[in-house]
Amino acid sequence: MWEKSPIAHIDKAVAPTLMALGMKDRRVPPSQGIEYYHALRAKGVPTKLLVYEDCDHAIDLVMSESDFWINTKQWFDKYL
């Protein structure tokens, strides 16, 4: 599993990265996303972390989902 993990390939990461984490996620521990975020920032990769306290793996609560899509649009406007 390590070979398939994004953190195992952090040395190759260069693309600006927008991440969204649901803090109630039971599929992927949010701590792994936070670790990846910090690793990207340490490399100098433009990275933004969106944290949704009341969401699980799917960011699907109305307020969270709308915030996510607004941030996604702004991210694409900036980096594309």
Protein backbone atom coordinates (compact mmCIF):
# COMPACT_ATOMS: atom_id res chain seq x y z
CA MET A 1 0.00 0.00 0.00
CA TRP A 2 2.91 2.35 0.67
CA GLU A 3 3.87 2.35 -3.02
CA LYS A 4 0.35 3.55 -3.95
CA SER A 5 0.19 6.19 -1.23
CA PRO A 6 0.41 9.87 -2.30
CA ILE A 7 2.84 10.59 0.55
CA ALA A 8 5.27 8.02 -0.89
CA HIS A 9 5.54 10.18 -4.03
CA ILE A 10 5.66 13.59 -2.38
CA ASP A 11 9.04 14.28 -3.99
CA LYS A 12 7.31 14.40 -7.42
CA ALA A 13 4.47 16.72 -6.36
CA VAL A 14 4.56 20.13 -8.07
CA ALA A 15 0.96 20.95 -9.04
CA PRO A 16 -0.99 23.47 -6.96
CA THR A 17 -3.23 21.38 -4.74
CA LEU A 18 -6.62 22.14 -3.21
CA MET A 19 -7.63 19.68 -0.52
CA ALA A 20 -10.96 19.23 1.29
CA LEU A 21 -11.24 17.17 4.44
CA GLY A 22 -14.33 16.03 6.28
CA MET A 23 -13.27 15.70 9.89
CA LYS A 24 -15.79 12.90 10.50
CA ASP A 25 -14.36 10.80 7.66
CA ARG A 26 -14.14 7.10 8.57
CA ARG A 27 -12.70 5.98 5.21
CA VAL A 28 -9.56 8.12 5.27
CA PRO A 29 -8.33 9.46 8.61
CA PRO A 30 -8.26 13.28 8.40
CA SER A 31 -4.83 13.18 10.03
CA GLN A 32 -3.45 11.68 6.79
CA GLY A 33 -4.80 14.58 4.76
CA ILE A 34 -3.35 17.07 7.22
CA GLU A 35 0.02 15.30 7.04
CA TYR A 36 -0.04 15.46 3.23
CA TYR A 37 -1.00 19.14 3.31
CA HIS A 38 1.98 19.95 5.55
CA ALA A 39 4.32 17.89 3.38
CA LEU A 40 3.24 19.77 0.25
CA ARG A 41 3.63 23.13 1.99
CA ALA A 42 7.09 22.15 3.23
CA LYS A 43 8.05 21.50 -0.41
CA GLY A 44 6.76 24.92 -1.42
CA VAL A 45 3.85 23.54 -3.46
CA PRO A 46 0.93 26.01 -3.51
CA THR A 47 -1.62 24.26 -1.32
CA LYS A 48 -4.88 25.15 0.36
CA LEU A 49 -6.68 23.02 2.91
CA LEU A 50 -10.45 23.25 3.39
CA VAL A 51 -11.67 21.65 6.62
CA TYR A 52 -15.30 20.70 7.18
CA GLU A 53 -15.92 19.71 10.80
CA ASP A 54 -19.39 18.19 10.29
CA CYS A 55 -18.70 16.24 7.08
CA ASP A 56 -17.49 12.72 6.48
CA HIS A 57 -15.74 11.47 3.33
CA ALA A 58 -18.32 13.14 1.12
CA ILE A 59 -18.43 16.90 1.51
CA ASP A 60 -22.19 16.95 1.01
CA LEU A 61 -23.83 19.15 3.62
CA VAL A 62 -25.41 22.12 1.85
CA MET A 63 -23.24 24.84 3.43
CA SER A 64 -20.04 22.78 3.20
CA GLU A 65 -20.64 21.73 -0.39
CA SER A 66 -21.38 25.28 -1.52
CA ASP A 67 -18.25 26.55 0.26
CA PHE A 68 -16.22 23.78 -1.39
CA TRP A 69 -17.46 24.67 -4.90
CA ILE A 70 -16.88 28.40 -4.38
CA ASN A 71 -13.30 27.67 -3.26
CA THR A 72 -12.81 25.27 -6.18
CA LYS A 73 -13.89 27.95 -8.67
CA GLN A 74 -11.54 30.48 -7.08
CA TRP A 75 -8.71 27.91 -7.16
CA PHE A 76 -9.19 27.23 -10.87
CA ASP A 77 -9.45 30.95 -11.60
CA LYS A 78 -6.08 31.44 -9.91
CA TYR A 79 -4.15 28.44 -11.27
CA LEU A 80 -5.59 27.73 -14.72
